[in-house]
Amino acid sequence: MGYGLSISGPMNLVLGPIVASSPQIALLLTEKLAIHHSSRLRIDVPAGNDYFISYLEKSGFLKVSQPPMIKNSEELPPRDKSLFTLAARAFG
């Protein structure tokens, strides 16, 4: 189970958010969202998705940057490992 969105920007097709119950489903959603796009793709992937990131790198994606995390509380809420990509830093 999962869902994913893509947004066509001026320079890239932005993939995300992608939320799935497993890395395999997240990768399938990623492929389906990008299948007919022939230009550049952008995916903002949070840290901790090693299998997903490894597959993306093997598919030709390059890690361009790693944004800093800003935390305004003592503790982050727990994660269930279902968030594989963010909408994009530009969208908040």
N, C-alpha and C. Protein backbone atom coordinates (compact mmCIF):
# COMPACT_ATOMS: atom_id res chain seq x y z
N MET A 1 0.84 -1.16 0.00
CA MET A 1 0.00 0.00 0.00
C MET A 1 0.89 1.23 0.00
N GLY A 2 0.43 2.28 -0.67
CA GLY A 2 1.17 3.52 -0.67
C GLY A 2 0.56 4.52 -1.62
N TYR A 3 1.18 5.69 -1.67
CA TYR A 3 0.77 6.72 -2.62
C TYR A 3 1.98 7.58 -2.95
N GLY A 4 1.90 8.26 -4.07
CA GLY A 4 2.96 9.16 -4.47
C GLY A 4 2.41 10.25 -5.37
N LEU A 5 3.08 11.37 -5.35
CA LEU A 5 2.71 12.51 -6.19
C LEU A 5 3.93 12.98 -6.95
N SER A 6 3.69 13.63 -8.07
CA SER A 6 4.77 14.30 -8.79
C SER A 6 4.28 15.69 -9.18
N ILE A 7 5.23 16.61 -9.23
CA ILE A 7 4.93 17.99 -9.58
C ILE A 7 5.89 18.40 -10.68
N SER A 8 5.35 18.87 -11.78
CA SER A 8 6.18 19.32 -12.89
C SER A 8 6.65 20.74 -12.62
N GLY A 9 7.94 20.91 -12.41
CA GLY A 9 8.52 22.23 -12.17
C GLY A 9 9.15 22.77 -13.43
N PRO A 10 9.71 23.97 -13.37
CA PRO A 10 10.31 24.58 -14.56
C PRO A 10 11.57 23.85 -15.04
N MET A 11 12.28 23.18 -14.12
CA MET A 11 13.52 22.50 -14.50
C MET A 11 13.46 20.99 -14.34
N ASN A 12 12.62 20.49 -13.44
CA ASN A 12 12.59 19.07 -13.11
C ASN A 12 11.16 18.59 -12.89
N LEU A 13 11.01 17.29 -12.95
CA LEU A 13 9.82 16.66 -12.41
C LEU A 13 10.18 16.30 -10.98
N VAL A 14 9.46 16.85 -10.02
CA VAL A 14 9.73 16.59 -8.61
C VAL A 14 8.85 15.43 -8.17
N LEU A 15 9.48 14.38 -7.66
CA LEU A 15 8.75 13.20 -7.19
C LEU A 15 8.64 13.27 -5.67
N GLY A 16 7.43 13.27 -5.17
CA GLY A 16 7.24 13.26 -3.74
C GLY A 16 6.09 14.14 -3.33
N PRO A 17 5.48 13.82 -2.25
CA PRO A 17 5.90 12.77 -1.32
C PRO A 17 5.56 11.38 -1.85
N ILE A 18 6.35 10.44 -1.42
CA ILE A 18 6.06 9.03 -1.68
C ILE A 18 6.03 8.34 -0.32
N VAL A 19 4.88 7.76 -0.02
CA VAL A 19 4.67 7.07 1.25
C VAL A 19 4.26 5.64 0.90
N ALA A 20 4.94 4.67 1.50
CA ALA A 20 4.66 3.27 1.16
C ALA A 20 4.94 2.37 2.35
N SER A 21 4.37 1.18 2.29
CA SER A 21 4.55 0.22 3.37
C SER A 21 5.87 -0.53 3.28
N SER A 22 6.59 -0.41 2.15
CA SER A 22 7.89 -1.07 2.01
C SER A 22 8.73 -0.32 0.97
N PRO A 23 10.06 -0.51 1.01
CA PRO A 23 10.91 0.12 -0.01
C PRO A 23 10.55 -0.34 -1.42
N GLN A 24 10.16 -1.59 -1.58
CA GLN A 24 9.83 -2.11 -2.91
C GLN A 24 8.62 -1.40 -3.48
N ILE A 25 7.61 -1.16 -2.67
CA ILE A 25 6.43 -0.43 -3.15
C ILE A 25 6.79 1.01 -3.45
N ALA A 26 7.63 1.62 -2.61
CA ALA A 26 8.08 2.99 -2.87
C ALA A 26 8.81 3.08 -4.20
N LEU A 27 9.65 2.09 -4.51
CA LEU A 27 10.37 2.09 -5.79
C LEU A 27 9.42 1.90 -6.96
N LEU A 28 8.43 1.06 -6.81
CA LEU A 28 7.43 0.86 -7.87
C LEU A 28 6.67 2.16 -8.12
N LEU A 29 6.26 2.84 -7.06
CA LEU A 29 5.58 4.13 -7.21
C LEU A 29 6.48 5.15 -7.90
N THR A 30 7.75 5.18 -7.53
CA THR A 30 8.72 6.09 -8.14
C THR A 30 8.82 5.83 -9.64
N GLU A 31 8.94 4.58 -10.01
CA GLU A 31 9.04 4.22 -11.43
C GLU A 31 7.78 4.62 -12.19
N LYS A 32 6.62 4.37 -11.62
CA LYS A 32 5.36 4.71 -12.29
C LYS A 32 5.20 6.22 -12.45
N LEU A 33 5.60 6.99 -11.46
CA LEU A 33 5.48 8.44 -11.54
C LEU A 33 6.42 9.04 -12.59
N ALA A 34 7.55 8.38 -12.83
CA ALA A 34 8.56 8.94 -13.73
C ALA A 34 8.57 8.30 -15.11
N ILE A 35 7.74 7.33 -15.36
CA ILE A 35 7.86 6.49 -16.56
C ILE A 35 7.83 7.26 -17.88
N HIS A 36 7.02 8.27 -18.02
CA HIS A 36 6.92 8.98 -19.30
C HIS A 36 7.64 10.31 -19.30
N HIS A 37 8.43 10.56 -18.30
CA HIS A 37 9.15 11.84 -18.21
C HIS A 37 10.56 11.65 -18.74
N SER A 38 10.95 12.46 -19.71
CA SER A 38 12.26 12.28 -20.34
C SER A 38 13.29 13.31 -19.90
N SER A 39 12.92 14.23 -19.05
CA SER A 39 13.84 15.26 -18.60
C SER A 39 14.37 14.91 -17.20
N ARG A 40 14.88 15.90 -16.50
CA ARG A 40 15.48 15.69 -15.19
C ARG A 40 14.41 15.38 -14.13
N LEU A 41 14.81 14.53 -13.18
CA LEU A 41 13.96 14.19 -12.05
C LEU A 41 14.63 14.66 -10.77
N ARG A 42 13.82 15.05 -9.80
CA ARG A 42 14.34 15.43 -8.49
C ARG A 42 13.57 14.67 -7.42
N ILE A 43 14.33 14.10 -6.50
CA ILE A 43 13.73 13.38 -5.38
C ILE A 43 14.47 13.80 -4.12
N ASP A 44 13.75 14.30 -3.14
CA ASP A 44 14.32 14.63 -1.84
C ASP A 44 14.02 13.48 -0.89
N VAL A 45 15.07 12.75 -0.53
CA VAL A 45 14.92 11.53 0.28
C VAL A 45 15.46 11.78 1.69
N PRO A 46 14.64 11.57 2.71
CA PRO A 46 15.15 11.73 4.07
C PRO A 46 16.16 10.63 4.40
N ALA A 47 17.09 10.94 5.29
CA ALA A 47 18.09 9.97 5.71
C ALA A 47 17.42 8.76 6.35
N GLY A 48 18.10 7.63 6.28
CA GLY A 48 17.59 6.42 6.91
C GLY A 48 16.90 5.46 5.97
N ASN A 49 16.81 5.80 4.70
CA ASN A 49 16.20 4.91 3.70
C ASN A 49 17.29 4.30 2.83
N ASP A 50 18.21 3.56 3.46
CA ASP A 50 19.41 3.08 2.77
C ASP A 50 19.11 2.20 1.56
N TYR A 51 18.19 1.27 1.67
CA TYR A 51 17.85 0.39 0.54
C TYR A 51 17.30 1.21 -0.62
N PHE A 52 16.40 2.13 -0.31
CA PHE A 52 15.78 2.98 -1.33
C PHE A 52 16.83 3.86 -2.00
N ILE A 53 17.69 4.48 -1.21
CA ILE A 53 18.75 5.35 -1.75
C ILE A 53 19.71 4.55 -2.61
N SER A 54 20.10 3.37 -2.15
CA SER A 54 21.02 2.52 -2.92
C SER A 54 20.43 2.18 -4.29
N TYR A 55 19.16 1.83 -4.33
CA TYR A 55 18.51 1.51 -5.61
C TYR A 55 18.48 2.73 -6.53
N LEU A 56 18.17 3.91 -5.97
CA LEU A 56 18.14 5.12 -6.78
C LEU A 56 19.52 5.41 -7.37
N GLU A 57 20.56 5.26 -6.57
CA GLU A 57 21.92 5.49 -7.06
C GLU A 57 22.29 4.50 -8.16
N LYS A 58 21.89 3.24 -8.02
CA LYS A 58 22.15 2.24 -9.05
C LYS A 58 21.37 2.54 -10.33
N SER A 59 20.27 3.28 -10.19
CA SER A 59 19.44 3.65 -11.35
C SER A 59 19.90 4.94 -12.02
N GLY A 60 20.97 5.55 -11.50
CA GLY A 60 21.52 6.75 -12.14
C GLY A 60 21.31 8.05 -11.39
N PHE A 61 20.61 8.02 -10.26
CA PHE A 61 20.44 9.23 -9.48
C PHE A 61 21.74 9.58 -8.76
N LEU A 62 22.00 10.87 -8.63
CA LEU A 62 23.17 11.35 -7.92
C LEU A 62 22.75 12.12 -6.69
N LYS A 63 23.49 11.92 -5.60
CA LYS A 63 23.24 12.70 -4.40
C LYS A 63 23.90 14.06 -4.61
N VAL A 64 23.07 15.09 -4.64
CA VAL A 64 23.57 16.43 -4.94
C VAL A 64 23.85 17.21 -3.67
N SER A 65 22.99 17.07 -2.67
CA SER A 65 23.20 17.79 -1.42
C SER A 65 22.51 17.07 -0.29
N GLN A 66 22.87 17.46 0.92
CA GLN A 66 22.19 16.95 2.11
C GLN A 66 21.84 18.14 2.96
N PRO A 67 20.56 18.49 3.00
CA PRO A 67 20.17 19.68 3.75
C PRO A 67 20.30 19.47 5.25
N PRO A 68 20.54 20.53 5.97
CA PRO A 68 20.59 20.40 7.43
C PRO A 68 19.18 20.19 7.99
N MET A 69 19.11 19.51 9.10
CA MET A 69 17.82 19.36 9.79
C MET A 69 17.73 20.44 10.85
N ILE A 70 16.58 21.03 10.94
CA ILE A 70 16.33 22.04 11.96
C ILE A 70 15.33 21.46 12.94
N LYS A 71 15.70 21.48 14.19
CA LYS A 71 14.85 20.88 15.22
C LYS A 71 14.53 21.95 16.26
N ASN A 72 13.25 22.14 16.52
CA ASN A 72 12.87 23.13 17.52
C ASN A 72 12.18 22.50 18.73
N SER A 73 12.53 21.26 18.99
CA SER A 73 12.00 20.59 20.17
C SER A 73 13.09 19.68 20.73
N GLU A 74 12.87 19.19 21.92
CA GLU A 74 13.85 18.31 22.55
C GLU A 74 13.94 16.96 21.86
N GLU A 75 12.84 16.53 21.26
CA GLU A 75 12.77 15.18 20.72
C GLU A 75 11.93 15.17 19.45
N LEU A 76 12.38 14.43 18.44
CA LEU A 76 11.59 14.28 17.22
C LEU A 76 10.54 13.19 17.43
N PRO A 77 9.37 13.31 16.78
CA PRO A 77 8.38 12.25 16.91
C PRO A 77 8.90 10.96 16.26
N PRO A 78 8.46 9.82 16.72
CA PRO A 78 8.93 8.56 16.14
C PRO A 78 8.48 8.43 14.68
N ARG A 79 9.29 7.74 13.89
CA ARG A 79 8.98 7.49 12.48
C ARG A 79 8.65 6.02 12.29
N ASP A 80 7.75 5.73 11.35
CA ASP A 80 7.40 4.33 11.08
C ASP A 80 8.04 3.83 9.79
N LYS A 81 8.97 4.58 9.24
CA LYS A 81 9.72 4.20 8.02
C LYS A 81 8.84 4.08 6.79
N SER A 82 7.72 4.82 6.74
CA SER A 82 6.86 4.76 5.56
C SER A 82 7.05 5.96 4.64
N LEU A 83 7.77 7.00 5.09
CA LEU A 83 8.02 8.17 4.26
C LEU A 83 9.33 7.96 3.51
N PHE A 84 9.26 7.84 2.18
CA PHE A 84 10.44 7.57 1.38
C PHE A 84 10.96 8.81 0.66
N THR A 85 10.07 9.72 0.26
CA THR A 85 10.52 10.98 -0.34
C THR A 85 9.67 12.12 0.21
N LEU A 86 10.26 13.30 0.25
CA LEU A 86 9.56 14.49 0.69
C LEU A 86 8.95 15.16 -0.53
N ALA A 87 8.02 16.09 -0.31
CA ALA A 87 7.44 16.82 -1.44
C ALA A 87 8.53 17.61 -2.14
N ALA A 88 9.33 18.31 -1.41
CA ALA A 88 10.51 19.07 -1.87
C ALA A 88 10.71 20.15 -0.84
N ARG A 89 11.95 20.44 -0.57
CA ARG A 89 12.24 21.48 0.41
C ARG A 89 11.59 22.80 0.00
N ALA A 90 11.52 23.07 -1.29
CA ALA A 90 10.96 24.34 -1.77
C ALA A 90 9.48 24.50 -1.42
N PHE A 91 8.78 23.38 -1.24
CA PHE A 91 7.35 23.44 -0.94
C PHE A 91 7.08 23.42 0.56
N GLY A 92 8.14 23.48 1.36
CA GLY A 92 7.98 23.51 2.83
C GLY A 92 7.88 22.12 3.33
